Protein backbone atom coordinates (compact mmCIF):
# COMPACT_ATOMS: atom_id res chain seq x y z
CA UNK A 1 55.75 108.99 99.87
CA UNK A 2 59.19 109.54 98.31
CA UNK A 3 59.66 110.65 94.72
CA UNK A 4 60.06 107.97 92.06
CA UNK A 5 63.60 106.98 91.05
CA UNK A 6 64.76 109.02 88.07
CA UNK A 7 67.26 107.54 85.57
CA UNK A 8 69.46 110.62 85.83
CA UNK A 9 69.99 109.95 89.54
CA UNK A 10 72.12 106.84 88.83
CA UNK A 11 74.74 108.70 86.77
CA UNK A 12 77.33 111.21 88.04
CA UNK A 13 76.32 114.82 88.56
CA UNK A 14 76.64 117.10 85.54
CA UNK A 15 75.58 114.48 82.97
CA UNK A 16 72.30 113.67 81.28
CA UNK A 17 71.31 110.34 79.72
CA UNK A 18 71.06 110.19 75.94
CA UNK A 19 70.54 106.46 75.49
CA UNK A 20 71.03 103.23 77.41
CA UNK A 21 71.25 99.49 76.82
CA UNK A 22 71.33 96.59 79.29
CA UNK A 23 72.78 93.17 78.50
CA UNK A 24 73.80 90.14 80.52
CA UNK A 25 77.45 91.20 80.54
CA UNK A 26 76.79 94.79 81.64
CA UNK A 27 75.00 98.08 81.12
CA UNK A 28 76.00 100.80 78.65
CA UNK A 29 74.75 104.36 79.13
CA UNK A 30 75.36 107.16 76.64
CA UNK A 31 75.69 110.51 78.44
CA UNK A 32 76.64 114.07 77.71
CA UNK A 33 77.46 117.11 79.81
CA UNK A 34 74.66 119.49 80.80
CA UNK A 35 76.96 122.54 80.93
CA UNK A 36 76.96 124.78 77.83
CA UNK A 37 80.48 126.07 78.56
CA UNK A 38 83.87 124.78 79.71
CA UNK A 39 86.95 126.32 81.28
CA UNK A 40 90.30 126.43 79.52
CA UNK A 41 92.87 124.45 81.54
CA UNK A 42 95.69 126.86 80.65
CA UNK A 43 94.31 130.40 81.02
CA UNK A 44 91.10 129.68 82.94
CA UNK A 45 88.87 131.47 80.42
CA UNK A 46 85.30 130.32 79.76
CA UNK A 47 84.52 129.18 76.23
CA UNK A 48 81.24 128.44 74.42
CA UNK A 49 82.76 127.76 70.99
CA UNK A 50 82.55 124.00 70.27
CA UNK A 51 85.21 122.77 67.87
CA UNK A 52 84.31 119.05 67.62
CA UNK A 53 83.19 116.00 69.59
CA UNK A 54 84.56 112.56 70.41
CA UNK A 55 83.28 109.58 72.41
CA UNK A 56 85.02 108.59 75.61
CA UNK A 57 84.40 105.38 77.58
CA UNK A 58 84.28 105.77 81.39
CA UNK A 59 83.73 102.99 83.93
CA UNK A 60 81.24 103.69 86.72
CA UNK A 61 79.86 101.94 89.78
CA UNK A 62 78.02 98.64 89.06
CA UNK A 63 74.25 98.74 88.73
CA UNK A 64 71.99 95.83 89.78
CA UNK A 65 74.92 93.40 89.75
CA UNK A 66 76.15 94.48 86.30
CA UNK A 67 79.24 96.52 85.41
CA UNK A 68 78.40 99.95 83.97
CA UNK A 69 80.13 101.73 81.10
CA UNK A 70 79.41 105.40 80.46
CA UNK A 71 79.86 106.42 76.81
CA UNK A 72 80.38 110.18 77.14
CA UNK A 73 80.00 112.50 74.17
CA UNK A 74 82.84 114.85 75.05
CA UNK A 75 83.14 118.22 73.31
CA UNK A 76 86.29 119.99 72.22
CA UNK A 77 86.23 123.76 72.69
CA UNK A 78 88.20 126.61 71.15
CA UNK A 79 89.80 128.94 73.66
CA UNK A 80 88.48 132.43 73.00
CA UNK A 81 91.38 134.18 74.73
CA UNK A 82 93.59 135.84 72.11
CA UNK A 83 96.87 135.45 73.99
CA UNK A 84 96.27 131.89 75.23
CA UNK A 85 98.59 129.26 73.76
CA UNK A 86 95.95 126.55 74.22
CA UNK A 87 93.86 126.80 71.07
CA UNK A 88 91.71 123.66 71.47
CA UNK A 89 90.91 121.74 74.67
CA UNK A 90 88.60 118.94 75.77
CA UNK A 91 85.85 119.99 78.13
CA UNK A 92 86.40 119.60 81.88
CA UNK A 93 83.80 118.18 84.21
CA UNK A 94 82.90 119.12 87.76
CA UNK A 95 85.59 118.59 90.37
CA UNK A 96 85.62 114.97 91.57
CA UNK A 97 83.17 113.71 88.94
CA UNK A 98 85.63 112.68 86.21
CA UNK A 99 89.27 113.74 86.21
CA UNK A 100 90.98 114.77 82.93
CA UNK A 101 91.99 111.71 80.89
CA UNK A 102 90.46 109.42 83.56
CA UNK A 103 88.77 106.17 82.54
CA UNK A 104 86.88 105.87 85.81
CA UNK A 105 84.45 108.18 87.52
CA UNK A 106 85.51 109.89 90.72
CA UNK A 107 83.23 107.77 92.88
CA UNK A 108 84.55 104.54 91.33
CA UNK A 109 88.11 105.79 91.78
CA UNK A 110 87.40 106.39 95.48
CA UNK A 111 86.06 102.86 95.89
CA UNK A 112 89.07 101.40 94.07
CA UNK A 113 91.37 103.43 96.32
CA UNK A 114 89.76 102.14 99.51
CA UNK A 115 89.87 98.56 98.25
CA UNK A 116 93.58 98.95 97.58
CA UNK A 117 94.17 100.45 101.02
CA UNK A 118 92.32 97.68 102.81
CA UNK A 119 93.41 94.60 100.87
CA UNK A 120 96.39 95.47 98.69
CA UNK A 121 96.81 94.13 95.15
CA UNK A 122 95.70 90.58 94.34
CA UNK A 123 93.21 90.16 97.23
CA UNK A 124 91.53 93.47 96.33
CA UNK A 125 91.44 92.55 92.62
CA UNK A 126 89.77 89.23 93.45
CA UNK A 127 87.22 90.97 95.64
CA UNK A 128 86.65 93.66 93.01
CA UNK A 129 85.68 91.00 90.45
CA UNK A 130 82.96 89.83 92.82
CA UNK A 131 81.74 93.42 93.02
CA UNK A 132 81.67 93.71 89.20
CA UNK A 133 84.45 96.31 89.21
CA UNK A 134 86.76 96.13 86.18
CA UNK A 135 90.12 96.73 87.88
CA UNK A 136 93.39 94.79 88.03
CA UNK A 137 95.82 94.32 90.90
CA UNK A 138 98.39 96.61 89.25
CA UNK A 139 95.78 99.33 88.85
CA UNK A 140 94.79 99.05 92.50
CA UNK A 141 98.36 99.56 93.67
CA UNK A 142 98.89 102.35 91.15
CA UNK A 143 95.83 104.22 92.49
CA UNK A 144 97.06 103.81 96.08
CA UNK A 145 100.49 105.14 95.14
CA UNK A 146 99.10 108.03 93.10
CA UNK A 147 96.84 109.26 95.85
CA UNK A 148 99.60 108.88 98.45
CA UNK A 149 98.86 109.95 102.01
CA UNK A 150 96.19 112.48 103.00
CA UNK A 151 97.26 115.81 104.54
CA UNK A 152 97.59 115.42 108.29
CA UNK A 153 97.52 117.99 111.11
CA UNK A 154 100.88 118.86 112.62
CA UNK A 155 101.60 116.64 115.65
CA UNK A 156 102.75 117.87 119.04
CA UNK A 157 103.20 114.51 120.83
CA UNK A 158 104.88 111.80 118.78
CA UNK A 159 106.18 108.26 119.26
CA UNK A 160 109.19 107.02 117.32
CA UNK A 161 110.50 103.47 117.01
CA UNK A 162 112.21 101.15 114.56
CA UNK A 163 110.70 98.24 112.61
CA UNK A 164 112.29 95.45 110.62
CA UNK A 165 112.29 95.29 106.84
CA UNK A 166 114.27 92.09 107.42
CA UNK A 167 115.20 91.14 110.96
CA UNK A 168 118.86 91.64 111.86
CA UNK A 169 119.57 93.02 108.38
CA UNK A 170 117.59 96.14 107.55
CA UNK A 171 115.36 98.43 109.60
CA UNK A 172 113.11 101.43 109.09
CA UNK A 173 111.54 104.03 111.38
CA UNK A 174 107.88 104.67 112.14
CA UNK A 175 106.58 107.92 113.62
CA UNK A 176 103.12 108.13 115.20
CA UNK A 177 100.90 110.96 116.38
CA UNK A 178 100.12 109.80 119.91
CA UNK A 179 97.31 112.31 120.44
CA UNK A 180 95.37 111.19 117.34
CA UNK A 181 96.55 107.57 117.65
CA UNK A 182 97.70 107.14 114.06
CA UNK A 183 100.98 106.75 112.14
CA UNK A 184 102.11 109.80 110.22
CA UNK A 185 105.43 108.92 108.59
CA UNK A 186 107.73 106.04 107.63
CA UNK A 187 111.46 106.63 107.24
CA UNK A 188 113.66 104.32 105.14
CA UNK A 189 116.19 103.52 107.90
CA UNK A 190 116.84 104.04 111.59
CA UNK A 191 119.93 106.19 111.28
CA UNK A 192 120.01 109.15 113.70
CA UNK A 193 120.69 111.59 110.84
CA UNK A 194 117.49 110.54 109.03
CA UNK A 195 115.35 110.94 112.14
CA UNK A 196 117.05 114.23 112.98
CA UNK A 197 116.33 115.63 109.52
CA UNK A 198 112.61 114.85 109.86
CA UNK A 199 112.38 116.14 113.42
CA UNK A 200 114.07 119.39 112.42
CA UNK A 201 111.10 120.10 110.16
CA UNK A 202 108.65 119.70 113.07
CA UNK A 203 109.38 122.56 115.51
CA UNK A 204 105.88 122.29 117.00
CA UNK A 205 106.62 118.87 118.59
CA UNK A 206 106.65 119.16 122.39
CA UNK A 207 107.01 115.51 123.52
CA UNK A 208 108.80 112.53 121.98
CA UNK A 209 108.16 109.00 123.25
CA UNK A 210 110.93 106.60 122.27
CA UNK A 211 112.60 103.34 123.18
CA UNK A 212 115.70 103.21 125.37
CA UNK A 213 118.15 103.08 122.47
CA UNK A 214 120.49 106.02 122.16
CA UNK A 215 120.06 106.74 118.43
CA UNK A 216 116.63 108.39 118.62
CA UNK A 217 117.57 110.13 121.86
CA UNK A 218 120.55 111.81 120.19
CA UNK A 219 118.53 112.73 117.11
CA UNK A 220 115.76 114.30 119.21
CA UNK A 221 118.24 116.17 121.40
CA UNK A 222 119.94 117.73 118.39
CA UNK A 223 116.81 118.52 116.37
CA UNK A 224 114.44 119.55 119.18
CA UNK A 225 116.47 120.36 122.30
CA UNK A 226 113.42 121.82 124.08
CA UNK A 227 111.16 118.82 123.50
CA UNK A 228 110.53 116.45 126.41
CA UNK A 229 111.80 112.92 125.76
CA UNK A 230 109.81 110.03 127.27
CA UNK A 231 111.27 106.54 127.67
CA UNK A 232 108.95 103.65 126.92
CA UNK A 233 107.48 102.19 130.13
CA UNK A 234 107.21 98.64 128.83
CA UNK A 235 110.88 98.62 127.85
CA UNK A 236 111.81 100.00 131.26
CA UNK A 237 109.98 97.22 133.08
CA UNK A 238 111.31 94.58 130.70
CA UNK A 239 114.86 95.89 131.10
CA UNK A 240 114.47 95.77 134.87
CA UNK A 241 113.28 92.15 134.76
CA UNK A 242 116.17 91.24 132.46
CA UNK A 243 118.60 92.95 134.84
CA UNK A 244 117.39 90.66 137.65
CA UNK A 245 117.71 87.62 135.36
CA UNK A 246 121.29 88.64 134.57
CA UNK A 247 121.96 88.96 138.29
CA UNK A 248 120.69 85.41 138.82
CA UNK A 249 122.88 84.13 135.98
CA UNK A 250 125.96 85.74 137.51
CA UNK A 251 125.10 84.11 140.86
CA UNK A 252 124.53 80.55 139.63
CA UNK A 253 127.69 79.19 141.28
CA UNK A 254 126.64 80.61 144.65
CA UNK A 255 123.10 79.31 144.08
CA UNK A 256 124.34 75.77 143.46
CA UNK A 257 126.43 75.94 146.61
CA UNK A 258 123.50 77.34 148.57
CA UNK A 259 121.13 74.50 147.70
CA UNK A 260 123.76 71.78 148.05
CA UNK A 261 124.04 71.06 144.36
CA UNK A 262 127.64 71.75 143.43
CA UNK A 263 127.53 68.38 141.72
CA UNK A 264 124.74 66.98 139.57
CA UNK A 265 123.29 63.50 140.18
CA UNK A 266 122.82 62.04 136.66
CA UNK A 267 120.41 59.41 137.99
CA UNK A 268 117.79 62.11 138.55
CA UNK A 269 118.05 63.53 135.03
CA UNK A 270 115.86 62.74 132.05
CA UNK A 271 117.43 62.01 128.66
CA UNK A 272 116.94 65.61 127.49
CA UNK A 273 118.37 67.00 130.73
CA UNK A 274 121.38 64.68 130.42
CA UNK A 275 122.15 66.14 127.00
CA UNK A 276 121.93 69.65 128.44
CA UNK A 277 124.22 68.61 131.31
CA UNK A 278 126.83 67.32 128.87
CA UNK A 279 126.63 70.64 127.02
CA UNK A 280 127.10 72.41 130.35
CA UNK A 281 130.30 70.46 131.01
CA UNK A 282 131.59 71.45 127.58
CA UNK A 283 130.72 75.10 128.25
CA UNK A 284 132.54 74.95 131.56
CA UNK A 285 135.73 73.92 129.78
CA UNK A 286 135.35 76.86 127.39
CA UNK A 287 134.58 79.23 130.28
CA UNK A 288 137.67 78.07 132.15
CA UNK A 289 139.92 78.72 129.17
CA UNK A 290 138.48 82.22 128.61
CA UNK A 291 138.68 83.12 132.32
CA UNK A 292 142.29 81.92 132.47
CA UNK A 293 143.25 84.17 129.59
CA UNK A 294 141.43 87.10 131.17
CA UNK A 295 143.19 86.47 134.48
CA UNK A 296 146.52 86.74 132.66
CA UNK A 297 145.52 90.21 131.46
CA UNK A 298 144.71 89.28 127.85
CA UNK A 299 142.37 91.78 126.15
CA UNK A 300 138.94 90.70 124.93
CA UNK A 301 139.94 91.20 121.28
CA UNK A 302 142.94 88.92 121.72
CA UNK A 303 140.82 86.30 123.55
CA UNK A 304 138.43 86.29 120.59
CA UNK A 305 141.35 85.78 118.19
CA UNK A 306 142.93 82.96 120.21
CA UNK A 307 139.79 80.99 121.08
CA UNK A 308 137.72 81.60 117.96
CA UNK A 309 134.63 82.48 120.01
CA UNK A 310 132.52 85.56 119.33
CA UNK A 311 132.98 88.80 121.25
CA UNK A 312 129.47 88.40 122.74
CA UNK A 313 130.30 84.92 124.07
CA UNK A 314 133.53 86.13 125.64
CA UNK A 315 131.76 89.06 127.28
CA UNK A 316 129.04 86.78 128.71
CA UNK A 317 131.68 84.46 130.16
CA UNK A 318 133.56 87.33 131.79
CA UNK A 319 130.29 88.61 133.24
CA UNK A 320 129.45 85.17 134.63
CA UNK A 321 126.35 84.72 132.46
CA UNK A 322 127.18 81.31 130.96
CA UNK A 323 126.98 79.02 133.98
CA UNK A 324 123.42 77.70 133.48
CA UNK A 325 123.07 73.93 133.57
CA UNK A 326 119.50 73.50 132.35
CA UNK A 327 117.42 75.65 130.02
CA UNK A 328 113.63 75.46 130.09
CA UNK A 329 111.56 75.03 126.96
CA UNK A 330 107.87 75.58 126.35
CA UNK A 331 105.95 72.32 125.87
CA UNK A 332 102.58 71.37 124.41
CA UNK A 333 101.34 71.01 128.00
CA UNK A 334 101.77 74.73 128.70
CA UNK A 335 98.05 75.56 128.24
CA UNK A 336 96.95 72.62 130.40
CA UNK A 337 99.32 73.05 133.35
CA UNK A 338 96.78 74.82 135.64
CA UNK A 339 94.31 71.95 135.14
CA UNK A 340 97.05 69.35 135.71
CA UNK A 341 98.12 71.07 138.93
CA UNK A 342 94.56 70.94 140.23
CA UNK A 343 94.25 67.24 139.35
CA UNK A 344 97.58 66.48 141.00
CA UNK A 345 96.58 68.32 144.15
CA UNK A 346 93.36 66.27 144.20
CA UNK A 347 95.39 63.04 144.27
CA UNK A 348 95.18 61.97 140.60
CA UNK A 349 98.78 60.89 139.96
CA UNK A 350 98.32 58.35 137.17
CA UNK A 351 99.92 59.73 133.99
CA UNK A 352 97.89 57.56 131.58
CA UNK A 353 94.59 58.55 133.19
CA UNK A 354 95.55 62.22 133.06
CA UNK A 355 96.48 61.85 129.38
CA UNK A 356 93.08 60.32 128.54
CA UNK A 357 91.31 63.16 130.34
CA UNK A 358 93.42 65.72 128.47
CA UNK A 359 92.47 64.17 125.13
CA UNK A 360 88.81 64.96 125.80
CA UNK A 361 89.84 68.63 126.22
CA UNK A 362 91.57 68.77 122.84
CA UNK A 363 95.14 67.88 123.83
CA UNK A 364 96.95 66.37 120.82
CA UNK A 365 100.24 65.42 122.47
CA UNK A 366 101.48 61.89 123.13
CA UNK A 367 101.17 59.78 126.27
CA UNK A 368 104.91 60.12 126.90
CA UNK A 369 104.66 63.90 127.33
CA UNK A 370 102.13 63.52 130.16
CA UNK A 371 103.87 60.60 131.87
CA UNK A 372 107.19 62.49 131.87
CA UNK A 373 105.42 65.47 133.43
CA UNK A 374 103.93 63.18 136.09
CA UNK A 375 107.35 61.69 136.79
CA UNK A 376 108.86 65.16 137.17
CA UNK A 377 106.05 66.22 139.48
CA UNK A 378 106.39 63.08 141.56
CA UNK A 379 110.10 63.68 141.99
CA UNK A 380 109.57 67.35 142.83
CA UNK A 381 107.24 66.39 145.69
CA UNK A 382 109.94 64.24 147.26
CA UNK A 383 111.68 66.83 149.41
CA UNK A 384 115.06 65.32 150.22
CA UNK A 385 118.69 66.07 149.57
CA UNK A 386 118.77 64.11 146.33
CA UNK A 387 116.01 66.22 144.83
CA UNK A 388 117.99 69.40 145.37
CA UNK A 389 120.87 68.06 143.33
CA UNK A 390 118.92 69.00 140.19
CA UNK A 391 119.35 72.78 139.94
CA UNK A 392 116.79 74.70 137.86
CA UNK A 393 117.96 77.11 135.20
CA UNK A 394 118.62 80.77 135.96
CA UNK A 395 115.41 81.75 134.17
CA UNK A 396 113.43 79.29 136.30
CA UNK A 397 115.01 80.52 139.52
CA UNK A 398 114.27 84.13 138.57
CA UNK A 399 110.64 83.18 137.92
CA UNK A 400 110.33 81.26 141.19
CA UNK A 401 111.78 84.16 143.16
CA UNK A 402 109.35 86.70 141.67
CA UNK A 403 106.00 84.88 141.62
CA UNK A 404 103.62 84.54 144.55
CA UNK A 405 104.62 81.95 147.14
CA UNK A 406 101.14 80.44 147.06
CA UNK A 407 101.80 79.37 143.45
CA UNK A 408 104.90 77.32 144.35
CA UNK A 409 105.05 73.60 145.01
CA UNK A 410 106.66 72.23 148.15
CA UNK A 411 109.99 71.49 146.45
CA UNK A 412 110.01 74.89 144.73
CA UNK A 413 109.42 76.62 148.07
CA UNK A 414 112.37 74.76 149.63
CA UNK A 415 114.58 75.70 146.66
CA UNK A 416 113.66 79.39 146.86
CA UNK A 417 114.23 79.41 150.63
CA UNK A 418 117.68 77.88 150.16
CA UNK A 419 118.58 80.45 147.51
CA UNK A 420 117.37 83.36 149.66
CA UNK A 421 119.33 82.11 152.67
CA UNK A 422 122.52 81.41 150.73
CA UNK A 423 122.56 84.40 148.35
CA UNK A 424 121.13 87.42 150.22
CA UNK A 425 122.37 89.79 147.51
CA UNK A 426 119.76 88.29 145.16
CA UNK A 427 117.03 89.05 147.68
CA UNK A 428 118.20 92.65 147.78
CA UNK A 429 118.26 92.81 143.95
CA UNK A 430 114.75 91.39 143.77
CA UNK A 431 113.50 93.99 146.25
CA UNK A 432 115.11 96.76 144.20
CA UNK A 433 113.54 95.57 140.94
CA UNK A 434 110.14 95.19 142.60
CA UNK A 435 110.46 98.74 143.89
CA UNK A 436 111.23 99.99 140.37
CA UNK A 437 108.17 98.22 138.96
CA UNK A 438 105.98 99.63 141.72
CA UNK A 439 107.36 103.12 141.10
CA UNK A 440 106.29 102.94 137.44
CA UNK A 441 102.87 101.47 138.19
CA UNK A 442 102.10 104.07 140.86
CA UNK A 443 103.72 106.96 138.90
CA UNK A 444 105.83 108.12 141.84
CA UNK A 445 108.68 110.05 140.23
CA UNK A 446 110.02 111.41 143.53
CA UNK A 447 111.38 107.96 144.49
CA UNK A 448 113.65 107.70 141.45
CA UNK A 449 116.79 109.36 142.89
CA UNK A 450 116.79 107.32 146.16
CA UNK A 451 116.17 104.17 144.10
CA UNK A 452 119.21 104.85 141.89
CA UNK A 453 121.43 105.40 144.93
CA UNK A 454 120.29 102.09 146.44
CA UNK A 455 120.48 100.12 143.17
CA UNK A 456 124.03 101.23 142.39
CA UNK A 457 125.26 99.22 145.38
CA UNK A 458 123.52 95.99 144.30
CA UNK A 459 123.74 93.29 141.63
CA UNK A 460 121.65 95.45 139.26
CA UNK A 461 124.08 98.37 139.32
CA UNK A 462 124.51 98.27 135.54
CA UNK A 463 120.78 98.79 135.01
CA UNK A 464 120.76 101.59 137.59
CA UNK A 465 123.62 103.35 135.79
CA UNK A 466 121.68 103.16 132.52
CA UNK A 467 118.64 104.70 134.21
CA UNK A 468 120.81 107.45 135.66
CA UNK A 469 122.22 108.32 132.24
CA UNK A 470 118.70 108.66 130.86
CA UNK A 471 117.11 109.95 134.04
CA UNK A 472 115.14 112.81 132.45
CA UNK A 473 113.37 110.51 129.99
CA UNK A 474 112.83 107.84 132.66
CA UNK A 475 111.31 110.34 135.08
CA UNK A 476 109.03 111.61 132.29
CA UNK A 477 107.97 108.01 131.60
CA UNK A 478 107.00 107.56 135.24
CA UNK A 479 104.92 110.72 135.63
CA UNK A 480 103.64 111.29 132.08
CA UNK A 481 100.49 109.84 130.53
CA UNK A 482 102.31 109.21 127.23
CA UNK A 483 104.25 106.11 126.31
CA UNK A 484 105.35 104.28 123.18
CA UNK A 485 102.91 101.40 123.58
CA UNK A 486 100.60 102.47 120.77
CA UNK A 487 103.60 102.88 118.47
CA UNK A 488 104.40 99.20 119.05
CA UNK A 489 100.82 98.40 118.09
CA UNK A 490 101.17 100.35 114.84
CA UNK A 491 104.35 98.37 114.10
CA UNK A 492 102.34 95.16 114.40
CA UNK A 493 99.84 96.54 111.90
CA UNK A 494 102.69 97.62 109.61
CA UNK A 495 104.16 94.12 109.65
CA UNK A 496 100.78 92.69 108.63
CA UNK A 497 100.55 95.10 105.68
CA UNK A 498 104.16 94.42 104.68
CA UNK A 499 103.62 90.67 104.60
CA UNK A 500 100.46 91.09 102.55
CA UNK A 501 102.45 92.94 99.92
CA UNK A 502 105.24 90.32 99.64
CA UNK A 503 108.05 91.80 97.50
CA UNK A 504 106.02 94.84 96.41
CA UNK A 505 105.86 96.47 99.83
CA UNK A 506 108.09 99.44 99.01
CA UNK A 507 108.22 102.40 101.37
CA UNK A 508 105.79 104.67 99.48
CA UNK A 509 103.20 101.90 99.14
CA UNK A 510 103.54 100.81 102.78
CA UNK A 511 103.17 104.41 103.94
CA UNK A 512 100.15 105.03 101.72
CA UNK A 513 98.39 101.89 102.91
CA UNK A 514 99.27 102.22 106.59
CA UNK A 515 98.45 105.90 106.95
CA UNK A 516 95.55 106.01 104.47
CA UNK A 517 93.73 103.08 106.07
CA UNK A 518 94.11 104.36 109.65
């Protein structure tokens, strides 16, 4: 059988109980130190000469659902060292028990610190009241700031990326230790000089995973020229997919000619599609004016001044990326489309009946949404020349050309076949992008040079040139086990912490909470 609970076991080490009182609003325990001596904080000498005493109130962990106050009889000692300038000092307690001038015990301070790390200010203060801990939201944040970040081992494999203080206005930089899977530093901006200054202090770093932007690449090359740079695999695959989408956008005129849809039949358009078609006609007028100026040799800066359009718009027109007629939008039916496809294939073509069945599954949309979908689907199954007059958007065509043929409807299959027959350069571009994706998935770095040579002669030449300029980092991304994916995950966690803090999420507090709680 275990020993009986002793009263002295509920108070911090180094104290003994003198008296105690318990009331409904809390418990008060009078304590004093058990050590006959104390150490001078200035010279380190041991003193036994007591000068005087005073009473100090210290908060401790709650006991039996009641807050606890320790009333400590603290002694003042005379320093016995002749040459010491500190004549009188208050006694010091064991390390971690009660800090000098502290009004909380070390164990309560640790609990307050962890509450602040996990919940922040107001949420932690509300939770602390339920735990009978006398602490305010300002105190919680002050403790988190004071303790800062714990000492961390020096990293050798890091990931670096930017994150938004305020999107499109202000950005910071996060640095993660990829081996230990934790963030280690936040920088106030994403300037190359700031990243370079931090990297210069880390000569032990051997690998740096980064995005495909040039700022961090230049900073790493200057600060750590011998470190291996690794491009992020997700960004590489996303950039490749976007390169194919851009190729489709530049080929929209050929695609419309290929599927016999150089003109649009308004009778086959819904009201929303008709509005988009009218916008397309307006864009075509703008595109014609910009292309005419460019044909006359006018510079982009002068075109921007004459037309009033942005530089980005002018560049997209000159690249042939503004010839889309329709743009797809996500609808409330998105989650129910697989079920609707099965019902349609089974012969259930009544929109009202489908809507009633969807309501039993939790669908909260209107009847009109389902009936319009049924009308679209009914038209898409009618494979004739009129149906092909409605050309999907570039994004839709890119999706149809890259998904499995078994997932296409009859009309979609005819559309893809017409595009492949009329625009063979798109088929070649799709094959090149699929080869790049397969190369990354299979980690075959030896195929990179032949792929670049092939891609430079296709519609995705711009993407291939970008890969060639960053070929060392891209090859490392293909063959290495490291990538910047976990850094992106830490950015998601950082955004959650930042939004919890509202306007008080300054850099030191964000860093203390993010790193301390990991």
